Structure formats: structure tokens, C-alpha cells
């Protein structure tokens, strides 16, 4: 189960990174 959670967080982080790159006018910070 731990591996599944790790994979989920990796995918989630990648998705967030892509969203940030697509919208540089609205930084998450």
C-alpha cells in the first residue's frame, strides 16, 4: 500500500508542476 501512495503523490506532484508551468501568471506561492 505504501508504494501505491508513493506513486499517487508522485503523479499528483507532477500534475501540480504541469499546472504551474501552464499558468505562470498565477504562482501557487
N, C-alpha and C. Protein backbone atom coordinates (compact mmCIF):
# COMPACT_ATOMS: atom_id res chain seq x y z
N UNK A 1 0.84 -1.21 0.00
CA UNK A 1 0.00 0.00 0.00
C UNK A 1 0.87 1.25 0.00
N UNK A 2 1.99 1.17 0.68
CA UNK A 2 2.88 2.33 0.76
C UNK A 2 3.36 2.72 -0.64
N UNK A 3 3.68 1.71 -1.44
CA UNK A 3 4.15 2.00 -2.80
C UNK A 3 3.06 2.70 -3.61
N UNK A 4 1.82 2.28 -3.43
CA UNK A 4 0.71 2.90 -4.17
C UNK A 4 0.57 4.36 -3.77
N UNK A 5 0.68 4.64 -2.47
CA UNK A 5 0.58 6.03 -2.00
C UNK A 5 1.72 6.85 -2.58
N UNK A 6 2.93 6.28 -2.60
CA UNK A 6 4.09 6.98 -3.11
C UNK A 6 3.88 7.34 -4.58
N UNK A 7 3.39 6.37 -5.35
CA UNK A 7 3.14 6.61 -6.78
C UNK A 7 2.08 7.68 -6.96
N UNK A 8 1.05 7.65 -6.10
CA UNK A 8 -0.03 8.63 -6.19
C UNK A 8 0.52 10.03 -5.96
N UNK A 9 1.37 10.18 -4.93
CA UNK A 9 1.92 11.50 -4.63
C UNK A 9 2.85 11.98 -5.74
N UNK A 10 3.58 11.04 -6.36
CA UNK A 10 4.47 11.41 -7.47
C UNK A 10 3.64 11.96 -8.63
N UNK A 11 2.55 11.26 -8.95
CA UNK A 11 1.68 11.70 -10.04
C UNK A 11 1.04 13.04 -9.71
N UNK A 12 0.61 13.19 -8.46
CA UNK A 12 -0.03 14.43 -8.03
C UNK A 12 0.95 15.59 -8.12
N UNK A 13 2.20 15.36 -7.69
CA UNK A 13 3.22 16.40 -7.74
C UNK A 13 3.51 16.80 -9.19
N UNK A 14 3.60 15.80 -10.06
CA UNK A 14 3.86 16.08 -11.47
C UNK A 14 2.72 16.91 -12.07
N UNK A 15 1.49 16.55 -11.72
CA UNK A 15 0.33 17.28 -12.23
C UNK A 15 0.37 18.73 -11.76
N UNK A 16 0.70 18.93 -10.50
CA UNK A 16 0.77 20.28 -9.95
C UNK A 16 1.85 21.09 -10.67
N UNK A 17 2.99 20.43 -10.91
CA UNK A 17 4.09 21.11 -11.57
C UNK A 17 3.69 21.54 -12.98
N UNK A 18 2.96 20.67 -13.68
CA UNK A 18 2.50 20.99 -15.04
C UNK A 18 1.53 22.16 -15.00
N UNK A 19 0.62 22.16 -14.03
CA UNK A 19 -0.36 23.24 -13.91
C UNK A 19 0.35 24.57 -13.66
N UNK A 20 1.37 24.55 -12.83
CA UNK A 20 2.13 25.77 -12.52
C UNK A 20 2.84 26.27 -13.78
N UNK A 21 3.37 25.34 -14.57
CA UNK A 21 4.08 25.72 -15.79
C UNK A 21 3.11 26.29 -16.82
N UNK A 22 1.88 25.78 -16.81
CA UNK A 22 0.89 26.23 -17.79
C UNK A 22 0.31 27.58 -17.40
N UNK A 23 0.39 27.92 -16.11
CA UNK A 23 -0.17 29.19 -15.65
C UNK A 23 0.84 29.97 -14.81
N UNK A 24 1.89 30.51 -15.45
CA UNK A 24 2.94 31.24 -14.74
C UNK A 24 2.43 32.57 -14.18
N UNK A 25 1.28 33.02 -14.66
CA UNK A 25 0.74 34.30 -14.20
C UNK A 25 0.10 34.15 -12.82
N UNK A 26 -0.10 32.91 -12.40
CA UNK A 26 -0.75 32.67 -11.11
C UNK A 26 0.06 31.67 -10.29
N UNK A 27 1.17 32.11 -9.70
CA UNK A 27 2.03 31.22 -8.91
C UNK A 27 1.32 30.76 -7.64
N UNK A 28 1.61 29.52 -7.20
CA UNK A 28 0.97 28.95 -6.01
C UNK A 28 1.45 29.59 -4.72
N UNK A 29 2.58 30.29 -4.79
CA UNK A 29 3.15 30.88 -3.57
C UNK A 29 2.38 32.15 -3.20
